[in-house]
Protein backbone atom coordinates (compact mmCIF):
# COMPACT_ATOMS: atom_id res chain seq x y z
CA MET A 1 -97.87 27.14 -2.65
CA LYS A 2 -96.60 23.77 -3.79
CA LYS A 3 -93.42 24.28 -1.80
CA LYS A 4 -95.41 25.05 1.36
CA MET A 5 -97.47 21.90 0.91
CA LEU A 6 -94.33 19.80 0.54
CA ILE A 7 -92.90 21.35 3.69
CA ALA A 8 -96.15 20.64 5.56
CA VAL A 9 -96.24 17.03 4.36
CA ALA A 10 -92.59 16.58 5.34
CA ALA A 11 -93.31 18.03 8.78
CA VAL A 12 -96.24 15.65 9.28
CA LEU A 13 -94.16 12.68 8.14
CA LEU A 14 -91.38 13.73 10.52
CA LEU A 15 -93.85 13.94 13.41
CA VAL A 16 -95.27 10.52 12.55
CA LEU A 17 -91.78 9.05 12.31
CA SER A 18 -90.77 10.65 15.62
CA ALA A 19 -93.89 9.30 17.30
CA ALA A 20 -93.24 5.82 15.89
CA VAL A 21 -89.64 5.89 17.14
CA ALA A 22 -90.80 7.12 20.57
CA LEU A 23 -93.41 4.37 20.80
CA TYR A 24 -90.83 1.80 19.76
CA PHE A 25 -88.46 2.79 22.53
CA MET A 26 -91.10 3.45 25.23
CA PRO A 27 -92.66 0.60 27.28
CA VAL A 28 -96.06 1.07 25.67
CA SER A 29 -98.26 -2.02 25.56
CA PHE A 30 -101.10 -2.24 23.06
CA GLY A 31 -102.63 -5.42 24.49
CA GLY A 32 -101.80 -8.91 23.37
CA THR A 33 -102.96 -12.51 23.46
CA TRP A 34 -102.59 -14.64 26.60
CA PRO A 35 -101.95 -18.34 25.88
CA GLN A 36 -104.67 -20.78 26.81
CA SER A 37 -104.04 -23.08 29.75
CA PRO A 38 -104.43 -26.66 28.46
CA ALA A 39 -106.53 -29.26 30.23
CA ALA A 40 -104.41 -31.00 32.88
CA LEU A 41 -103.33 -34.56 32.18
CA PRO A 42 -103.57 -37.26 34.88
CA GLY A 43 -100.37 -37.23 36.91
CA ASP A 44 -99.54 -40.84 36.04
CA THR A 45 -99.66 -40.16 32.27
CA LEU A 46 -96.40 -41.49 30.83
CA LEU A 47 -94.49 -39.12 28.57
CA THR A 48 -92.03 -40.56 26.07
CA ALA A 49 -88.39 -39.50 26.20
CA GLU A 50 -88.96 -37.44 23.06
CA GLN A 51 -91.95 -35.67 24.61
CA VAL A 52 -90.02 -34.93 27.79
CA ASP A 53 -87.10 -33.54 25.81
CA ALA A 54 -89.38 -31.32 23.72
CA ASP A 55 -91.11 -29.87 26.80
CA ARG A 56 -87.95 -29.26 28.80
CA GLN A 57 -86.34 -27.47 25.86
CA GLN A 58 -89.51 -25.42 25.34
CA LEU A 59 -89.48 -24.31 28.99
CA ILE A 60 -85.75 -23.52 29.10
CA GLU A 61 -85.83 -21.56 25.86
CA TYR A 62 -88.89 -19.62 26.99
CA VAL A 63 -87.48 -18.71 30.41
CA GLU A 64 -84.07 -17.71 29.07
CA SER A 65 -85.58 -15.54 26.31
CA VAL A 66 -88.13 -13.75 28.53
CA HIS A 67 -86.97 -13.40 32.15
CA PRO A 68 -85.01 -10.23 33.18
CA PHE A 69 -82.70 -12.35 35.35
CA PHE A 70 -80.58 -13.05 32.28
CA VAL A 71 -79.95 -9.38 31.47
CA ASP A 72 -79.95 -7.64 34.87
CA GLY A 73 -76.45 -8.66 35.92
CA SER A 74 -77.53 -11.41 38.34
CA ASP A 75 -75.03 -14.14 39.20
CA GLN A 76 -76.08 -17.14 37.09
CA THR A 77 -73.95 -19.79 38.83
CA ALA A 78 -76.82 -21.32 40.81
CA TYR A 79 -79.09 -21.13 37.78
CA GLN A 80 -76.66 -23.01 35.56
CA ALA A 81 -76.34 -25.75 38.19
CA ALA A 82 -80.14 -26.02 38.46
CA LYS A 83 -80.45 -26.16 34.68
CA GLU A 84 -77.88 -28.96 34.45
CA ALA A 85 -79.70 -30.89 37.19
CA TYR A 86 -82.99 -30.40 35.35
CA LEU A 87 -81.52 -31.75 32.12
CA ALA A 88 -79.90 -34.68 33.93
CA GLU A 89 -83.09 -35.82 35.65
CA THR A 90 -85.34 -35.43 32.57
CA GLY A 91 -83.39 -37.52 30.08
CA ALA A 92 -85.84 -40.42 29.77
CA ALA A 93 -89.53 -41.31 29.70
CA MET A 94 -91.33 -40.21 32.88
CA THR A 95 -94.78 -39.44 34.26
CA VAL A 96 -96.34 -35.99 34.18
CA ASP A 97 -96.02 -35.81 38.00
CA ALA A 98 -92.29 -36.58 37.89
CA PHE A 99 -91.71 -34.07 35.11
CA MET A 100 -93.73 -31.45 37.02
CA GLU A 101 -91.48 -31.88 40.05
CA SER A 102 -88.31 -31.49 37.98
CA ALA A 103 -89.64 -28.43 36.16
CA ALA A 104 -90.72 -26.84 39.46
CA ARG A 105 -87.25 -27.34 40.97
CA TYR A 106 -85.69 -25.75 37.89
CA LEU A 107 -87.89 -22.62 38.08
CA THR A 108 -87.52 -22.20 41.86
CA VAL A 109 -83.83 -21.30 41.54
CA LEU A 110 -84.81 -17.89 40.14
CA GLY A 111 -86.28 -16.94 43.53
CA ASP A 112 -89.18 -15.20 41.81
CA GLY A 113 -92.65 -15.71 43.27
CA HIS A 114 -94.23 -14.78 39.94
CA THR A 115 -92.22 -17.32 37.92
CA ARG A 116 -93.59 -20.74 38.73
CA LEU A 117 -95.62 -23.71 37.56
CA SER A 118 -99.35 -23.85 38.06
CA TRP A 119 -98.84 -26.70 40.52
CA GLN A 120 -101.27 -29.60 40.27
CA TYR A 121 -102.29 -29.81 43.92
CA GLY A 122 -104.10 -33.16 43.81
CA ASP A 123 -106.34 -34.23 46.68
CA GLU A 124 -105.71 -32.98 50.22
CA VAL A 125 -104.78 -34.97 53.31
CA CYS A 126 -106.84 -33.81 56.27
CA ILE A 127 -104.11 -32.62 58.64
CA TYR A 128 -105.17 -29.39 60.34
CA HIS A 129 -102.06 -27.28 60.85
CA SER A 130 -100.53 -23.83 61.12
CA TYR A 131 -96.89 -23.00 60.43
CA ARG A 132 -95.75 -20.62 63.17
CA ASN A 133 -92.40 -19.56 64.58
CA GLY A 134 -90.47 -21.99 62.42
CA GLN A 135 -92.54 -25.08 63.22
CA MET A 136 -95.58 -26.87 61.79
CA HIS A 137 -98.12 -26.84 64.62
CA PHE A 138 -100.90 -29.39 64.78
CA ALA A 139 -104.47 -28.15 65.14
CA ASP A 140 -107.54 -29.94 66.45
CA GLU A 141 -111.15 -29.02 67.21
CA THR A 142 -109.97 -26.60 69.92
CA GLY A 143 -107.62 -24.73 67.58
CA VAL A 144 -103.87 -24.58 67.05
CA THR A 145 -102.00 -26.59 69.70
CA ASP A 146 -98.47 -26.40 71.12
CA LEU A 147 -97.73 -29.80 69.55
CA THR A 148 -95.78 -29.82 66.30
CA VAL A 149 -95.83 -32.32 63.44
CA THR A 150 -92.60 -34.33 63.32
CA ALA A 151 -93.48 -36.88 60.62
CA VAL A 152 -96.16 -38.07 58.20
CA ASP A 153 -96.00 -41.85 58.15
CA ASP A 154 -92.25 -42.54 58.22
CA VAL A 155 -91.25 -39.34 56.37
CA PRO A 156 -89.76 -36.75 58.77
CA MET A 157 -91.10 -33.22 58.66
CA GLU A 158 -87.62 -31.95 57.78
CA LYS A 159 -87.78 -33.84 54.48
CA ILE A 160 -91.26 -32.54 53.70
CA ILE A 161 -90.11 -28.98 54.44
CA ALA A 162 -87.03 -29.41 52.24
CA THR A 163 -89.22 -30.71 49.42
CA MET A 164 -91.45 -27.64 49.63
CA ASP A 165 -88.38 -25.39 49.61
CA SER A 166 -87.17 -27.06 46.43
CA LEU A 167 -90.48 -26.90 44.56
CA PHE A 168 -92.00 -23.52 45.39
CA PRO A 169 -90.21 -20.16 45.02
CA ALA A 170 -90.10 -17.87 48.03
CA GLU A 171 -88.83 -14.30 48.03
CA ASN A 172 -88.70 -13.91 51.82
CA GLU A 173 -89.63 -15.52 55.11
CA MET A 174 -93.33 -14.65 54.77
CA ALA A 175 -93.45 -16.39 51.41
CA VAL A 176 -91.85 -19.47 52.99
CA ALA A 177 -94.53 -19.60 55.70
CA LYS A 178 -97.28 -19.07 53.12
CA ASN A 179 -95.94 -21.94 50.99
CA TYR A 180 -95.71 -24.30 53.97
CA ASN A 181 -99.26 -23.59 55.11
CA TYR A 182 -100.70 -23.96 51.63
CA TYR A 183 -98.82 -26.93 50.17
CA PHE A 184 -98.11 -29.14 53.20
CA THR A 185 -101.19 -31.34 52.74
CA SER A 186 -101.07 -31.51 48.92
CA GLU A 187 -101.21 -35.06 47.57
CA ASN A 188 -98.59 -34.32 44.93
CA LEU A 189 -96.30 -32.56 47.41
CA LEU A 190 -96.42 -35.45 49.89
CA ARG A 191 -95.75 -37.90 47.06
CA ALA A 192 -92.72 -35.86 46.00
CA ALA A 193 -91.47 -35.96 49.62
CA GLY A 194 -91.68 -39.76 49.69
CA VAL A 195 -95.02 -40.33 51.42
CA ASN A 196 -97.02 -43.24 50.02
CA VAL A 197 -100.28 -41.55 49.03
CA ASP A 198 -101.89 -44.65 47.47
CA LYS A 199 -103.91 -45.45 50.58
CA GLU A 200 -106.79 -44.15 52.68
CA SER A 201 -105.15 -43.05 55.95
CA PHE A 202 -101.89 -41.57 57.23
CA THR A 203 -100.13 -41.63 60.59
CA VAL A 204 -99.11 -38.18 61.80
CA THR A 205 -96.48 -38.18 64.57
CA LEU A 206 -96.44 -35.23 66.99
CA SER A 207 -93.72 -33.70 69.14
CA ASP A 208 -94.89 -35.47 72.32
CA GLY A 209 -94.54 -38.86 70.64
CA SER A 210 -98.28 -39.35 70.18
CA THR A 211 -99.84 -40.10 66.79
CA ARG A 212 -103.02 -39.19 64.95
CA GLU A 213 -104.66 -41.02 62.07
CA CYS A 214 -105.68 -38.71 59.24
CA GLY A 215 -107.55 -39.45 56.02
CA TRP A 216 -108.35 -37.57 52.87
CA PHE A 217 -110.15 -34.26 53.14
CA ALA A 218 -113.81 -34.49 52.16
CA ALA A 219 -114.99 -31.23 50.65
CA ALA A 220 -118.00 -29.75 52.39
CA GLU A 221 -121.12 -29.00 50.43
CA GLU A 222 -121.01 -25.59 48.82
CA SER A 223 -122.79 -23.01 50.89
CA GLU A 224 -125.32 -20.64 49.40
CA PRO A 225 -123.69 -17.52 47.93
CA SER A 226 -123.91 -14.55 50.28
CA GLY A 227 -125.17 -12.25 47.56
CA GLU A 228 -122.39 -9.79 48.39
CA PRO A 229 -120.52 -9.05 45.14
CA TRP A 230 -116.75 -9.47 45.08
CA GLY A 231 -114.72 -6.33 44.61
CA ASN A 232 -113.37 -3.21 46.26
CA LYS A 233 -115.70 -1.39 48.64
CA ALA A 234 -115.78 1.77 50.73
CA ARG A 235 -117.48 2.39 54.07
CA TRP A 236 -117.34 4.55 57.16
CA ASP A 237 -116.39 3.30 60.62
CA GLY A 238 -117.17 6.27 62.82
CA ASP A 239 -114.98 9.07 61.51
CA VAL A 240 -112.64 6.69 59.67
CA PHE A 241 -113.02 6.22 55.91
CA VAL A 242 -112.27 2.55 55.10
CA VAL A 243 -111.39 1.19 51.69
CA GLU A 244 -111.67 -2.60 51.49
CA PHE A 245 -109.00 -2.93 48.82
CA VAL A 246 -109.25 -6.58 47.78
CA GLU A 247 -107.86 -6.30 44.25
CA CYS A 248 -105.71 -3.85 42.31
CA VAL A 249 -108.20 -3.22 39.52
CA ASP A 250 -108.45 0.33 38.18
CA ASP A 251 -112.04 0.00 36.98
CA ASP A 252 -115.14 2.20 37.21
CA ASN A 253 -115.88 0.85 40.68
CA LEU A 254 -112.47 1.92 42.02
CA LYS A 255 -112.77 5.30 40.31
CA SER A 256 -116.09 5.78 42.10
CA ILE A 257 -114.47 4.85 45.43
CA ALA A 258 -111.63 7.30 44.72
CA ARG A 259 -114.14 10.10 44.05
CA GLU A 260 -115.94 9.32 47.31
CA LEU A 261 -112.61 9.30 49.17
CA LYS A 262 -111.58 12.61 47.61
CA GLN A 263 -114.87 14.23 48.62
CA ALA A 264 -114.49 12.86 52.16
CA VAL A 265 -110.99 14.38 52.48
CA GLU A 266 -112.17 17.69 51.05
CA ARG A 267 -114.94 17.75 53.67
CA GLY A 268 -112.47 17.22 56.52
CA CYS A 269 -111.92 13.47 56.85
CA THR A 270 -108.53 13.01 58.54
CA LYS A 271 -108.38 9.23 59.08
CA VAL A 272 -108.23 6.65 56.28
CA ILE A 273 -107.68 2.89 56.30
CA ILE A 274 -106.80 1.06 53.10
CA ASP A 275 -107.24 -2.62 53.92
CA ALA A 276 -104.98 -4.49 51.49
CA ARG A 277 -104.89 -7.77 53.42
CA GLY A 278 -105.27 -10.63 50.97
CA ASN A 279 -104.96 -8.35 47.94
CA GLY A 280 -103.12 -10.45 45.34
CA GLY A 281 -102.24 -7.54 43.06
CA GLY A 282 -103.14 -6.50 39.53
CA ASN A 283 -102.60 -2.96 38.26
CA SER A 284 -100.51 -0.58 40.39
CA ASN A 285 -102.43 2.37 38.87
CA ALA A 286 -105.25 1.43 41.26
CA CYS A 287 -102.93 2.08 44.23
CA GLU A 288 -101.83 5.43 42.85
CA ARG A 289 -105.43 6.48 42.22
CA LEU A 290 -106.37 5.97 45.87
CA LEU A 291 -103.34 7.94 47.06
CA GLU A 292 -104.06 10.78 44.63
CA ALA A 293 -107.64 10.94 45.93
CA MET A 294 -106.20 11.92 49.33
CA GLY A 295 -104.02 14.65 47.84
CA MET A 296 -100.94 12.46 47.95
CA LYS A 297 -98.52 11.49 45.21
CA ALA A 298 -96.76 8.15 45.21
CA PRO A 299 -93.03 7.94 44.52
CA SER A 300 -92.20 6.04 41.34
CA TYR A 301 -90.87 2.54 40.97
CA GLY A 302 -88.08 2.01 38.49
CA MET A 303 -88.18 -0.85 36.06
CA LEU A 304 -86.09 -3.08 33.86
CA LEU A 305 -88.26 -4.35 31.01
CA ARG A 306 -87.06 -7.17 28.82
CA TYR A 307 -88.51 -7.41 25.33
CA SER A 308 -88.93 -10.78 23.63
CA PRO A 309 -91.04 -12.38 20.90
CA ALA A 310 -93.31 -13.88 23.59
CA ALA A 311 -93.77 -10.55 25.41
CA LYS A 312 -94.50 -8.84 22.10
CA VAL A 313 -97.32 -11.29 21.38
CA GLN A 314 -98.74 -11.37 24.91
CA LYS A 315 -98.30 -7.70 25.83
CA GLY A 316 -98.50 -5.95 22.48
CA TYR A 317 -95.08 -4.28 22.41
CA LEU A 318 -93.64 -3.01 19.16
CA ARG A 319 -90.22 -4.47 19.98
CA SER A 320 -89.30 -8.13 20.26
CA SER A 321 -85.72 -7.90 21.55
CA GLY A 322 -83.49 -5.87 23.83
CA SER A 323 -84.38 -4.23 27.13
CA MET A 324 -84.84 -0.83 28.69
CA THR A 325 -84.37 0.58 32.19
CA ILE A 326 -86.32 3.37 33.87
CA LYS A 327 -84.80 4.79 37.05
CA PRO A 328 -86.88 4.99 40.25
CA ASN A 329 -87.97 8.41 41.49
CA PRO A 330 -88.29 8.90 45.28
CA ASP A 331 -90.19 12.19 44.99
CA ALA A 332 -93.55 12.01 46.75
CA ARG A 333 -96.19 14.36 48.10
CA GLN A 334 -97.61 13.86 51.57
CA ASN A 335 -100.86 15.25 52.93
CA ASP A 336 -100.26 16.11 56.57
CA LYS A 337 -104.00 16.53 57.15
CA VAL A 338 -104.69 12.85 56.50
CA ALA A 339 -103.52 10.00 58.75
CA LEU A 340 -103.30 6.93 56.51
CA ALA A 341 -103.03 3.34 57.72
CA VAL A 342 -102.49 0.55 55.19
CA LEU A 343 -103.28 -2.96 56.44
CA CYS A 344 -101.19 -5.76 54.95
CA ASP A 345 -100.37 -9.41 55.46
CA ARG A 346 -98.46 -12.27 53.82
CA PHE A 347 -101.18 -12.47 51.15
CA THR A 348 -100.69 -8.84 50.13
CA TYR A 349 -98.88 -9.38 46.87
CA SER A 350 -97.43 -7.92 43.68
CA SER A 351 -99.02 -4.51 42.94
CA ALA A 352 -100.53 -4.48 46.44
CA THR A 353 -96.98 -4.81 47.80
CA MET A 354 -96.15 -1.73 45.73
CA LEU A 355 -98.79 0.20 47.69
CA CYS A 356 -96.96 -0.71 50.90
CA VAL A 357 -93.65 0.42 49.39
CA TYR A 358 -95.19 3.68 48.14
CA VAL A 359 -96.37 4.42 51.68
CA ARG A 360 -93.05 3.46 53.28
CA ASP A 361 -90.68 5.11 50.79
CA GLY A 362 -92.87 8.18 50.34
CA GLY A 363 -93.60 8.68 54.05
CA LEU A 364 -97.33 8.71 53.29
CA GLY A 365 -98.65 6.81 56.32
CA VAL A 366 -98.16 3.72 58.47
CA LEU A 367 -98.24 0.01 57.66
CA ILE A 368 -100.02 -2.31 60.08
CA GLY A 369 -100.12 -6.12 60.08
CA GLU A 370 -97.72 -8.62 58.54
CA ALA A 371 -95.02 -8.16 55.92
CA SER A 372 -95.87 -9.09 52.34
CA SER A 373 -94.47 -12.23 50.72
CA ASN A 374 -92.86 -10.09 47.98
CA MET A 375 -89.48 -8.46 48.20
CA PRO A 376 -89.72 -4.66 47.73
CA ASN A 377 -87.55 -5.06 44.62
CA HIS A 378 -89.06 -7.95 42.71
CA TYR A 379 -89.70 -9.49 39.34
CA GLY A 380 -93.21 -9.41 37.92
CA ASP A 381 -95.65 -8.61 35.11
CA LEU A 382 -96.47 -12.08 33.91
CA THR A 383 -96.19 -13.81 30.61
CA ALA A 384 -97.09 -17.48 30.28
CA VAL A 385 -96.12 -20.66 28.46
CA ALA A 386 -98.12 -23.86 27.96
CA LEU A 387 -95.93 -26.94 27.52
CA GLU A 388 -97.09 -28.91 24.52
CA ASN A 389 -96.85 -32.53 25.70
CA SER A 390 -97.15 -32.46 29.50
CA HIS A 391 -99.85 -29.73 29.45
CA LEU A 392 -98.05 -27.95 32.27
CA PHE A 393 -98.57 -24.20 32.46
CA ALA A 394 -95.97 -21.77 33.77
CA THR A 395 -95.95 -18.03 34.38
CA VAL A 396 -92.72 -16.10 33.77
CA SER A 397 -91.91 -12.48 34.69
CA HIS A 398 -90.65 -10.10 32.05
CA LYS A 399 -89.94 -7.06 34.28
CA ARG A 400 -87.86 -6.29 37.35
CA PHE A 401 -89.30 -3.57 39.58
CA LEU A 402 -86.94 -1.27 41.53
CA ARG A 403 -88.30 0.43 44.66
CA PRO A 404 -88.43 4.25 44.75
CA SER A 405 -85.90 4.69 47.56
CA GLY A 406 -83.23 2.80 45.63
CA GLU A 407 -82.63 0.54 48.66
CA THR A 408 -81.77 -2.98 47.53
CA GLU A 409 -81.01 -5.07 50.59
CA SER A 410 -84.38 -5.56 52.29
CA ARG A 411 -86.17 -8.84 51.63
CA MET A 412 -89.45 -7.52 52.99
CA VAL A 413 -91.19 -4.36 54.15
CA VAL A 414 -91.73 -4.80 57.89
CA PRO A 415 -94.87 -2.90 59.03
CA ASP A 416 -94.63 -0.02 61.48
CA VAL A 417 -97.05 -1.92 63.73
CA VAL A 418 -96.46 -5.67 63.51
CA THR A 419 -99.44 -7.81 64.40
CA ALA A 420 -101.28 -10.91 63.21
CA SER A 421 -103.35 -10.36 60.11
CA GLY A 422 -106.63 -10.83 61.95
CA ASP A 423 -105.69 -8.19 64.54
CA ALA A 424 -104.55 -5.52 62.07
CA TYR A 425 -107.87 -3.67 61.78
CA GLN A 426 -108.30 -3.30 65.53
CA ALA A 427 -104.66 -2.21 65.77
CA ALA A 428 -105.34 0.52 63.19
CA MET A 429 -108.37 1.79 65.11
CA GLU A 430 -106.29 1.87 68.29
CA TYR A 431 -103.55 3.72 66.42
CA PHE A 432 -106.05 6.37 65.38
CA ALA A 433 -107.30 6.57 68.96
CA GLY A 434 -103.74 7.30 70.10
CA LYS A 435 -103.34 4.08 72.04
């Protein structure tokens, strides 16, 4: 009897040990602690040389210990040059704004849209614009014009564009356009480009030689809330089941939508739109849940996960060093009874980009709209670091995602039906109508 008990105890201990070893080597996250973002300092706050040195070393050490770029076989030549430039231009006392610019240039070399500074935008110059077809078009009360912006004060547009390229990472052409539209009128961006922002008005020169005087943007009074809660929603448009997929959150609300979608398909629904325009990402499980509700199975992304002390604290891993790689799996399951259209645009990002790749690589439906600003193979899953003296806050990826098909060359997933974001829904309805 005693011998049997010893054998049973040994067996239990062996199982516990095996489970512990498996958990140690599997990418299981038990939840961690996200660092607090410190209150921003005024941009003209002067940092001492010692403070600058401490913050630059903190950022370099964090990035190099966390980011997969340093273990995935990437060519580090450009990175080393950017690092040396960063060290060279941050060797003395400087303002928070100047240090922010240098740190942003350093991070941009990684070409990772997830790894970046939380840029201090500043006030906004009131220049209505739209970056289209490689040019910054001027807009007025009638809308976007054929005139393009050639200079702000005496600073040529080419220099402003080059400054944006140096400060903000872009994974593909859509990300470039998104950056230009968003940051062009930022006070801190224009200062970095050489525009004197310590005044009340600016002269904008247009492609026909004419000029416009523009001042600072005055924020409109906040409108009354619509009462419509933010979140994912489901509705019918005729015989089309529409999921307004605004965030990749696998919560009770999405589970309820998935159940409704599943019931609709079981009752004969053959047309589904998942509208992922503007969806900034979150948890890719939300994407898979919607596909499974239609009787489909997504192919699997591969992954290179890099462990580090910071990732252990923030994600709850058991390991604090090394890395692991999981191969992608292209196997998918279609449902030929359901015609699926996924709407996407340049603001479809991160896990929402994964939905587009699932559909493309798995042959699950069609994509309609604009390409996402993510590459299909991209870095992601954020960790964060708060710099002690400058109070700058940066996010840094700790995973590299590998698309199911194994294809590595594409910089973006081009939709099957390419159209402006605002026209994508109508294009999907016309697609279903056979037009």
